[in-house]
Protein backbone atom coordinates (compact mmCIF):
# COMPACT_ATOMS: atom_id res chain seq x y z
CA MET A 1 -209.96 14.04 -181.29
CA THR A 2 -206.29 14.98 -181.33
CA GLU A 3 -205.00 18.42 -180.44
CA ASP A 4 -204.04 19.09 -184.05
CA SER A 5 -207.45 18.06 -185.36
CA ASP A 6 -209.07 20.78 -183.28
CA LEU A 7 -207.91 23.22 -185.95
CA THR A 8 -210.19 21.54 -188.49
CA GLN A 9 -213.07 23.20 -186.65
CA MET A 10 -212.12 26.63 -187.97
CA THR A 11 -215.05 28.29 -189.71
CA LEU A 12 -214.29 28.89 -193.37
CA GLY A 13 -216.04 31.27 -195.70
CA GLU A 14 -217.38 34.60 -194.50
CA ASP A 15 -217.56 34.12 -190.73
CA TYR A 16 -219.17 36.72 -188.44
CA ALA A 17 -221.44 37.86 -191.27
CA ASP A 18 -223.38 40.30 -189.06
CA ILE A 19 -220.21 42.00 -187.86
CA ARG A 20 -218.86 42.24 -191.40
CA ASP A 21 -222.07 43.81 -192.61
CA GLY A 22 -222.12 46.29 -189.73
CA VAL A 23 -218.52 47.34 -190.29
CA ARG A 24 -219.17 47.85 -194.00
CA LYS A 25 -222.09 50.13 -193.18
CA VAL A 26 -219.96 52.30 -190.90
CA CYS A 27 -217.16 52.42 -193.46
CA ALA A 28 -219.59 53.48 -196.19
CA ASN A 29 -219.76 56.87 -194.46
CA PHE A 30 -216.01 57.33 -194.98
CA PRO A 31 -215.34 57.11 -198.72
CA LEU A 32 -211.93 57.12 -200.35
CA GLU A 33 -212.03 60.90 -200.68
CA TYR A 34 -212.14 61.20 -196.87
CA TRP A 35 -208.91 59.24 -196.55
CA HIS A 36 -207.30 61.19 -199.39
CA ASP A 37 -208.04 64.46 -197.61
CA LYS A 38 -206.64 63.18 -194.31
CA ASP A 39 -203.53 61.95 -196.09
CA GLU A 40 -202.95 65.29 -197.80
CA ILE A 41 -202.74 67.18 -194.50
CA ALA A 42 -201.49 64.29 -192.32
CA GLU A 43 -204.52 64.61 -190.04
CA TYR A 44 -205.77 61.98 -187.60
CA PRO A 45 -209.20 60.56 -188.66
CA HIS A 46 -211.03 61.47 -185.47
CA GLU A 47 -214.45 61.16 -187.11
CA PHE A 48 -213.80 57.61 -188.24
CA VAL A 49 -212.36 56.53 -184.88
CA ASN A 50 -215.33 58.06 -183.07
CA ALA A 51 -217.77 56.26 -185.37
CA MET A 52 -216.06 52.91 -184.83
CA THR A 53 -216.05 53.49 -181.08
CA GLU A 54 -219.71 54.50 -180.93
CA SER A 55 -220.62 51.41 -182.95
CA GLY A 56 -218.92 49.25 -180.32
CA TYR A 57 -216.35 47.70 -182.61
CA LEU A 58 -213.28 49.04 -180.82
CA GLY A 59 -214.53 47.51 -177.57
CA ALA A 60 -215.23 44.14 -179.17
CA LEU A 61 -212.48 42.25 -177.31
CA ILE A 62 -213.13 43.82 -173.90
CA PRO A 63 -215.18 41.50 -171.62
CA GLU A 64 -218.82 42.37 -171.08
CA GLU A 65 -218.26 42.96 -167.37
CA TYR A 66 -216.07 45.93 -168.31
CA GLY A 67 -218.43 47.35 -170.93
CA GLY A 68 -217.20 45.54 -174.04
CA ALA A 69 -218.66 42.83 -176.25
CA GLY A 70 -216.46 40.01 -174.95
CA LEU A 71 -215.73 38.62 -178.39
CA PRO A 72 -212.71 36.45 -179.37
CA ILE A 73 -209.73 37.76 -181.31
CA ARG A 74 -211.13 36.24 -184.49
CA ALA A 75 -213.98 38.75 -184.29
CA GLY A 76 -211.46 41.57 -183.93
CA SER A 77 -209.63 40.14 -186.91
CA VAL A 78 -212.81 40.28 -188.97
CA ILE A 79 -213.50 43.88 -187.95
CA LEU A 80 -210.08 45.09 -189.07
CA GLU A 81 -210.15 43.03 -192.26
CA GLU A 82 -213.46 44.56 -193.32
CA ILE A 83 -212.28 48.08 -192.51
CA HIS A 84 -209.40 47.66 -194.94
CA ALA A 85 -211.41 45.75 -197.53
CA SER A 86 -213.75 48.76 -197.57
CA GLY A 87 -210.88 51.08 -198.49
CA CYS A 88 -210.58 52.55 -195.00
CA SER A 89 -207.66 52.27 -192.58
CA ALA A 90 -207.66 50.89 -189.05
CA ALA A 91 -204.13 52.11 -188.31
CA ALA A 92 -205.55 55.01 -186.33
CA CYS A 93 -207.29 52.75 -183.84
CA HIS A 94 -206.19 49.11 -184.16
CA ALA A 95 -203.69 49.32 -181.29
CA GLN A 96 -206.52 49.50 -178.77
CA MET A 97 -207.42 45.90 -179.52
CA TYR A 98 -204.01 44.41 -178.80
CA ILE A 99 -202.64 46.87 -176.23
CA MET A 100 -205.54 46.35 -173.85
CA GLY A 101 -204.79 42.60 -173.88
CA THR A 102 -201.78 43.16 -171.62
CA LEU A 103 -203.94 45.13 -169.20
CA LEU A 104 -206.73 42.56 -169.38
CA ARG A 105 -204.54 39.49 -168.84
CA HIS A 106 -202.00 40.87 -166.40
CA GLY A 107 -203.44 44.01 -164.82
CA SER A 108 -204.99 44.14 -161.38
CA GLU A 109 -208.73 44.09 -160.93
CA GLU A 110 -208.54 47.71 -159.79
CA GLN A 111 -206.70 48.71 -162.97
CA LYS A 112 -209.15 46.88 -165.19
CA ARG A 113 -212.16 48.51 -163.55
CA LYS A 114 -210.48 51.90 -163.67
CA TYR A 115 -209.58 51.87 -167.37
CA LEU A 116 -211.42 49.23 -169.41
CA PRO A 117 -214.98 50.66 -169.22
CA GLY A 118 -213.71 54.05 -170.38
CA ILE A 119 -211.73 52.46 -173.19
CA ALA A 120 -214.81 50.48 -174.26
CA ASN A 121 -217.13 53.50 -174.42
CA GLY A 122 -214.57 55.89 -175.90
CA ASP A 123 -214.08 58.16 -172.89
CA ILE A 124 -210.46 56.99 -172.75
CA ARG A 125 -208.16 56.26 -175.65
CA LEU A 126 -205.42 53.68 -175.14
CA GLN A 127 -203.79 53.77 -178.56
CA ALA A 128 -200.08 54.28 -177.86
CA PHE A 129 -197.50 51.55 -177.21
CA GLY A 130 -194.04 52.76 -176.14
CA VAL A 131 -191.55 49.99 -176.93
CA THR A 132 -189.17 50.73 -179.82
CA GLU A 133 -186.10 52.94 -179.22
CA PRO A 134 -183.66 54.61 -181.66
CA THR A 135 -180.63 52.58 -180.58
CA SER A 136 -182.20 49.17 -179.97
CA GLY A 137 -184.90 48.95 -182.65
CA THR A 138 -186.53 45.52 -182.56
CA ASP A 139 -183.94 44.20 -180.08
CA THR A 140 -186.41 44.94 -177.32
CA THR A 141 -184.37 43.47 -174.47
CA GLN A 142 -181.65 46.09 -175.06
CA LEU A 143 -183.92 49.10 -174.60
CA LYS A 144 -182.41 51.91 -172.53
CA THR A 145 -185.42 53.74 -171.08
CA ARG A 146 -185.12 53.43 -167.29
CA ALA A 147 -187.70 53.65 -164.55
CA VAL A 148 -186.36 54.02 -161.02
CA ARG A 149 -188.69 53.71 -158.07
CA GLN A 150 -188.71 56.60 -155.64
CA GLY A 151 -191.32 56.14 -152.93
CA ASP A 152 -194.82 55.95 -154.39
CA HIS A 153 -193.81 56.61 -157.99
CA TYR A 154 -191.31 55.69 -160.69
CA VAL A 155 -189.07 58.27 -162.35
CA VAL A 156 -188.70 57.57 -166.06
CA ASN A 157 -185.86 58.75 -168.30
CA GLY A 158 -185.14 57.78 -171.89
CA GLN A 159 -186.51 57.93 -175.40
CA LYS A 160 -188.94 56.04 -177.62
CA VAL A 161 -189.42 56.22 -181.38
CA TRP A 162 -192.15 55.14 -183.82
CA THR A 163 -194.74 55.51 -181.07
CA SER A 164 -197.88 56.04 -183.12
CA ARG A 165 -200.97 57.95 -181.95
CA ALA A 166 -199.26 59.35 -178.82
CA LEU A 167 -200.75 62.78 -179.53
CA GLN A 168 -204.23 61.30 -180.02
CA SER A 169 -204.18 58.95 -177.04
CA ASP A 170 -204.95 59.52 -173.37
CA LEU A 171 -202.94 56.57 -172.10
CA MET A 172 -199.84 54.75 -173.22
CA LEU A 173 -198.54 51.29 -172.38
CA LEU A 174 -194.81 51.76 -171.69
CA LEU A 175 -192.12 49.08 -171.59
CA CYS A 176 -189.02 50.20 -169.70
CA ARG A 177 -186.11 48.73 -167.77
CA THR A 178 -186.44 48.74 -163.98
CA THR A 179 -183.33 46.61 -163.39
CA PRO A 180 -180.13 47.28 -165.39
CA VAL A 181 -179.42 44.58 -167.98
CA GLU A 182 -176.04 43.79 -166.41
CA GLU A 183 -177.80 42.86 -163.17
CA VAL A 184 -180.25 40.28 -164.54
CA ALA A 185 -179.77 36.57 -165.24
CA LYS A 186 -181.62 36.69 -168.56
CA ARG A 187 -181.87 39.75 -170.80
CA THR A 188 -185.66 39.40 -170.88
CA ASP A 189 -185.72 39.98 -167.10
CA GLY A 190 -185.82 43.39 -165.46
CA LEU A 191 -188.27 44.93 -167.92
CA SER A 192 -191.53 46.36 -166.58
CA THR A 193 -194.79 47.46 -168.13
CA MET A 194 -196.70 50.46 -166.85
CA ILE A 195 -199.57 52.72 -167.83
CA VAL A 196 -198.58 56.30 -168.54
CA ASP A 197 -201.22 59.03 -168.45
CA LEU A 198 -200.18 61.12 -171.44
CA ARG A 199 -202.53 63.94 -170.46
CA GLU A 200 -200.70 64.47 -167.19
CA GLY A 201 -197.22 63.69 -168.50
CA LEU A 202 -197.12 66.02 -171.48
CA GLY A 203 -195.08 69.04 -170.45
CA ASN A 204 -194.27 67.45 -167.09
CA GLY A 205 -191.35 65.28 -168.03
CA LEU A 206 -192.71 64.07 -171.35
CA GLU A 207 -192.15 65.64 -174.76
CA ILE A 208 -193.75 64.30 -177.96
CA THR A 209 -192.37 65.18 -181.38
CA PRO A 210 -194.17 64.05 -184.57
CA ILE A 211 -192.20 62.23 -187.29
CA PRO A 212 -193.27 63.09 -190.87
CA THR A 213 -193.58 59.86 -192.88
CA MET A 214 -194.60 58.67 -196.35
CA ILE A 215 -198.01 57.63 -195.02
CA ASN A 216 -200.46 59.27 -192.63
CA HIS A 217 -199.56 57.17 -189.60
CA ASN A 218 -199.38 59.82 -186.83
CA THR A 219 -196.15 58.49 -185.37
CA ASN A 220 -193.77 60.20 -182.97
CA GLN A 221 -190.61 60.36 -180.91
CA LEU A 222 -191.05 60.52 -177.14
CA PHE A 223 -188.55 61.99 -174.70
CA PHE A 224 -188.75 61.22 -170.97
CA ASP A 225 -187.00 63.56 -168.55
CA ASP A 226 -187.78 62.63 -164.94
CA LEU A 227 -191.38 61.72 -165.80
CA LYS A 228 -193.20 60.55 -162.68
CA VAL A 229 -195.47 57.50 -162.98
CA PRO A 230 -197.46 56.31 -159.93
CA VAL A 231 -196.48 52.86 -158.64
CA GLU A 232 -200.10 51.74 -158.92
CA ASN A 233 -199.76 52.12 -162.70
CA LEU A 234 -197.32 49.19 -162.82
CA ILE A 235 -198.91 46.20 -164.55
CA GLY A 236 -198.27 42.91 -162.78
CA GLU A 237 -194.90 42.32 -161.14
CA GLU A 238 -191.89 44.54 -161.59
CA GLY A 239 -189.35 42.98 -163.94
CA ARG A 240 -191.77 40.66 -165.75
CA GLY A 241 -193.02 43.15 -168.33
CA PHE A 242 -191.44 41.47 -171.33
CA ARG A 243 -193.51 38.35 -170.74
CA TYR A 244 -196.65 40.44 -170.37
CA ILE A 245 -196.29 42.15 -173.74
CA LEU A 246 -195.75 38.89 -175.63
CA ASP A 247 -199.48 38.14 -175.50
CA GLY A 248 -200.13 41.58 -176.93
CA MET A 249 -197.53 41.07 -179.63
CA ASN A 250 -199.08 37.79 -180.80
CA ALA A 251 -202.47 39.47 -180.93
CA GLU A 252 -200.89 42.37 -182.80
CA ARG A 253 -199.49 40.02 -185.44
CA VAL A 254 -202.88 38.37 -185.99
CA LEU A 255 -204.79 41.65 -186.17
CA VAL A 256 -202.32 43.45 -188.43
CA ALA A 257 -202.23 40.41 -190.71
CA SER A 258 -206.00 40.72 -190.99
CA GLU A 259 -205.66 44.33 -192.10
CA ALA A 260 -203.24 43.19 -194.79
CA ILE A 261 -205.75 40.57 -195.94
CA GLY A 262 -208.38 43.30 -196.19
CA ASP A 263 -206.09 45.51 -198.26
CA GLY A 264 -205.27 42.56 -200.48
CA ARG A 265 -208.96 42.04 -201.13
CA TRP A 266 -209.35 45.75 -201.98
CA PHE A 267 -206.43 45.76 -204.44
CA THR A 268 -207.59 42.55 -206.10
CA GLU A 269 -211.13 43.85 -206.51
CA LYS A 270 -209.93 47.15 -207.98
CA ALA A 271 -207.43 45.48 -210.30
CA THR A 272 -209.93 42.90 -211.53
CA ALA A 273 -212.62 45.48 -212.24
CA TYR A 274 -210.23 47.74 -214.15
CA ALA A 275 -208.74 44.80 -216.07
CA ASN A 276 -212.23 43.90 -217.27
CA GLU A 277 -213.31 47.39 -218.29
CA ARG A 278 -210.09 48.86 -219.72
CA VAL A 279 -209.86 48.13 -223.47
CA VAL A 280 -206.56 48.48 -225.30
CA PHE A 281 -205.70 47.04 -228.73
CA GLY A 282 -209.30 46.00 -229.15
CA LYS A 283 -209.75 43.83 -226.07
CA PRO A 284 -209.93 44.09 -222.24
CA ILE A 285 -206.43 44.19 -220.79
CA GLY A 286 -207.44 41.40 -218.39
CA ALA A 287 -207.24 39.00 -221.36
CA ASN A 288 -203.48 39.51 -221.37
CA GLN A 289 -201.58 37.03 -219.21
CA GLY A 290 -199.16 39.78 -218.14
CA ILE A 291 -202.12 41.46 -216.40
CA GLN A 292 -204.29 38.48 -215.50
CA PHE A 293 -201.71 36.16 -213.97
CA PRO A 294 -200.22 38.56 -211.36
CA ILE A 295 -203.72 39.37 -210.10
CA ALA A 296 -204.64 35.68 -209.93
CA ASN A 297 -201.35 34.87 -208.20
CA ALA A 298 -201.90 37.60 -205.60
CA TYR A 299 -205.43 36.34 -205.00
CA ALA A 300 -204.11 32.83 -204.34
CA GLN A 301 -201.52 34.21 -201.91
CA ILE A 302 -204.22 36.15 -200.06
CA LYS A 303 -206.44 33.10 -199.68
CA ALA A 304 -203.52 31.03 -198.38
CA ALA A 305 -202.43 33.73 -195.93
CA GLU A 306 -206.00 34.03 -194.68
CA LEU A 307 -205.93 30.39 -193.59
CA MET A 308 -202.79 30.99 -191.54
CA VAL A 309 -204.41 34.05 -189.95
CA ARG A 310 -207.40 31.94 -188.97
CA GLN A 311 -205.20 29.19 -187.55
CA ALA A 312 -203.24 31.70 -185.45
CA ALA A 313 -206.46 33.27 -184.19
CA ALA A 314 -207.92 29.87 -183.32
CA LEU A 315 -204.84 28.96 -181.28
CA PHE A 316 -204.79 32.36 -179.54
CA ASP A 317 -208.46 32.15 -178.61
CA ASP A 318 -207.92 28.61 -177.29
CA GLY A 319 -205.09 29.82 -175.06
CA LYS A 320 -202.50 27.69 -176.87
CA PRO A 321 -198.99 28.75 -177.96
CA CYS A 322 -199.28 30.64 -181.24
CA GLY A 323 -196.07 32.62 -181.64
CA ALA A 324 -194.96 30.81 -184.79
CA GLU A 325 -198.41 30.88 -186.37
CA ALA A 326 -199.02 34.55 -185.53
CA ASN A 327 -195.66 35.58 -186.97
CA MET A 328 -196.07 33.49 -190.12
CA ALA A 329 -199.58 34.86 -190.58
CA LYS A 330 -198.26 38.40 -190.48
CA MET A 331 -195.42 37.62 -192.88
CA LEU A 332 -197.55 35.74 -195.41
CA ALA A 333 -200.31 38.37 -195.31
CA SER A 334 -197.82 41.20 -195.84
CA GLU A 335 -196.27 39.43 -198.84
CA ALA A 336 -199.70 38.68 -200.30
CA THR A 337 -201.04 42.21 -200.02
CA TRP A 338 -197.82 43.63 -201.47
CA ALA A 339 -198.19 41.29 -204.45
CA ALA A 340 -201.77 42.51 -204.85
CA ALA A 341 -200.68 46.14 -204.53
CA GLU A 342 -198.02 45.71 -207.20
CA ALA A 343 -200.44 43.89 -209.51
CA CYS A 344 -202.98 46.68 -209.05
CA MET A 345 -200.39 49.38 -209.81
CA GLN A 346 -199.35 47.58 -213.00
CA THR A 347 -202.93 47.02 -214.06
CA TYR A 348 -203.84 50.70 -213.77
CA GLY A 349 -200.61 51.72 -215.47
CA GLY A 350 -200.05 55.47 -215.50
CA PHE A 351 -203.43 56.13 -213.93
CA ALA A 352 -202.25 54.36 -210.76
CA PHE A 353 -200.07 57.37 -210.05
CA ALA A 354 -202.98 59.80 -210.21
CA LYS A 355 -204.25 60.55 -206.71
CA GLU A 356 -207.87 60.59 -207.83
CA TYR A 357 -207.79 56.80 -208.22
CA HIS A 358 -206.47 56.28 -204.65
CA ILE A 359 -204.25 53.40 -205.79
CA GLU A 360 -200.94 55.15 -205.05
CA ARG A 361 -202.00 56.04 -201.49
CA LYS A 362 -203.13 52.53 -200.69
CA TRP A 363 -199.94 51.20 -202.33
CA ARG A 364 -197.85 53.37 -200.01
CA GLU A 365 -199.84 52.22 -197.00
CA ALA A 366 -199.55 48.53 -197.92
CA ARG A 367 -195.75 48.66 -197.93
CA ILE A 368 -195.59 49.15 -194.15
CA PHE A 369 -196.84 45.62 -193.51
CA LYS A 370 -193.49 44.20 -194.68
CA THR A 371 -191.66 46.30 -192.07
CA ALA A 372 -193.97 46.85 -189.11
CA PRO A 373 -194.81 45.78 -186.49
CA ILE A 374 -192.03 43.27 -187.19
CA SER A 375 -189.94 42.81 -190.31
CA THR A 376 -189.99 39.76 -192.55
CA ASN A 377 -186.35 38.94 -191.75
CA LEU A 378 -186.98 38.82 -188.01
CA ILE A 379 -189.90 36.47 -188.57
CA LEU A 380 -187.76 34.21 -190.75
CA GLY A 381 -185.10 34.21 -188.03
CA PHE A 382 -187.71 33.26 -185.44
CA VAL A 383 -189.04 30.40 -187.55
CA GLY A 384 -185.55 29.21 -188.42
CA GLN A 385 -184.43 29.09 -184.79
CA HIS A 386 -187.51 28.35 -182.72
CA VAL A 387 -189.51 26.21 -185.16
CA LEU A 388 -186.88 24.49 -187.29
CA GLY A 389 -184.15 24.30 -184.67
CA MET A 390 -181.36 26.04 -186.57
CA PRO A 391 -178.69 28.20 -184.85
CA ARG A 392 -179.64 31.69 -183.68
CA SER A 393 -179.10 34.19 -186.48
CA TYR A 394 -179.55 37.43 -184.55
């Protein structure tokens, strides 16, 4: 069997049926009205996150020896897909699945035993990922936040932006520069990853300021002013942090793509049902090609994107390079769910704008997939350069 033919072993259809059923049952306790109310007051869905934690789903990817279920990323993908297909949102808790991957793959045994069991059982929340900065954006290697070692701790100064869930998390994974960029051979060198205890840091060199946004995403700006971080919180070797977070970023792409697939399923189901029941000019509006074809087209896009998500997950779980597949999965899934969101809005017509139908809120939430955690243009640049061999565009 060739290496490429291994991918033919992907399970198609509704894989992990028991997990899907269990997630649906948990989500049934959090109807659309719950999410509407949280959105209205921009409140973090603590009840939902607690329920998912208690059910064991947020610890699914943590090995059994550390209190988790030890499942592959495909299982995590299924969990997040079903959350979104049920009309719920995993944005409040999905980061735990991909952030902890850096700790799991590159942390010391002492760090893993100190943090992973608590993350698995919900005693500790690791939901915040401090990477993006106001001046560098997605050009991660140009970040300015500095960590200087002084004895048994690092002193951190700088700023992060779009750091979601920092006020609802106990720990944060922070990427900062420990060696100035002008002193390294490659711009990816000199970056380090460390665990920041937000409970201890807040008010002691760390300030967190919420950023109001068009969706309830609980995101923030972070300001570091001589924040002290113990040296033992450094993950792996100093200066190799950029390499460590790449694993987490590939996992992030796969998992977020799965959320988009779930939203696409939700929009398609809602649009199809309304197109069948809404009668105008003496017939269901779904009989009109202007309504029917966009829904069908979005459905086809979702099914195609789902295959790329599964391929990326299969490669990741097999320990093979999956950067291109993970990025393309995220891009295709974001485009598919946006097509489904637009088709759903058009199908409902004026009623789509009424909050009681929940379409407008989900439509707003679906738009973020085309921008975060990485924009479509950056993915196209990656594919153009690293897959197709064209000149660097950025």
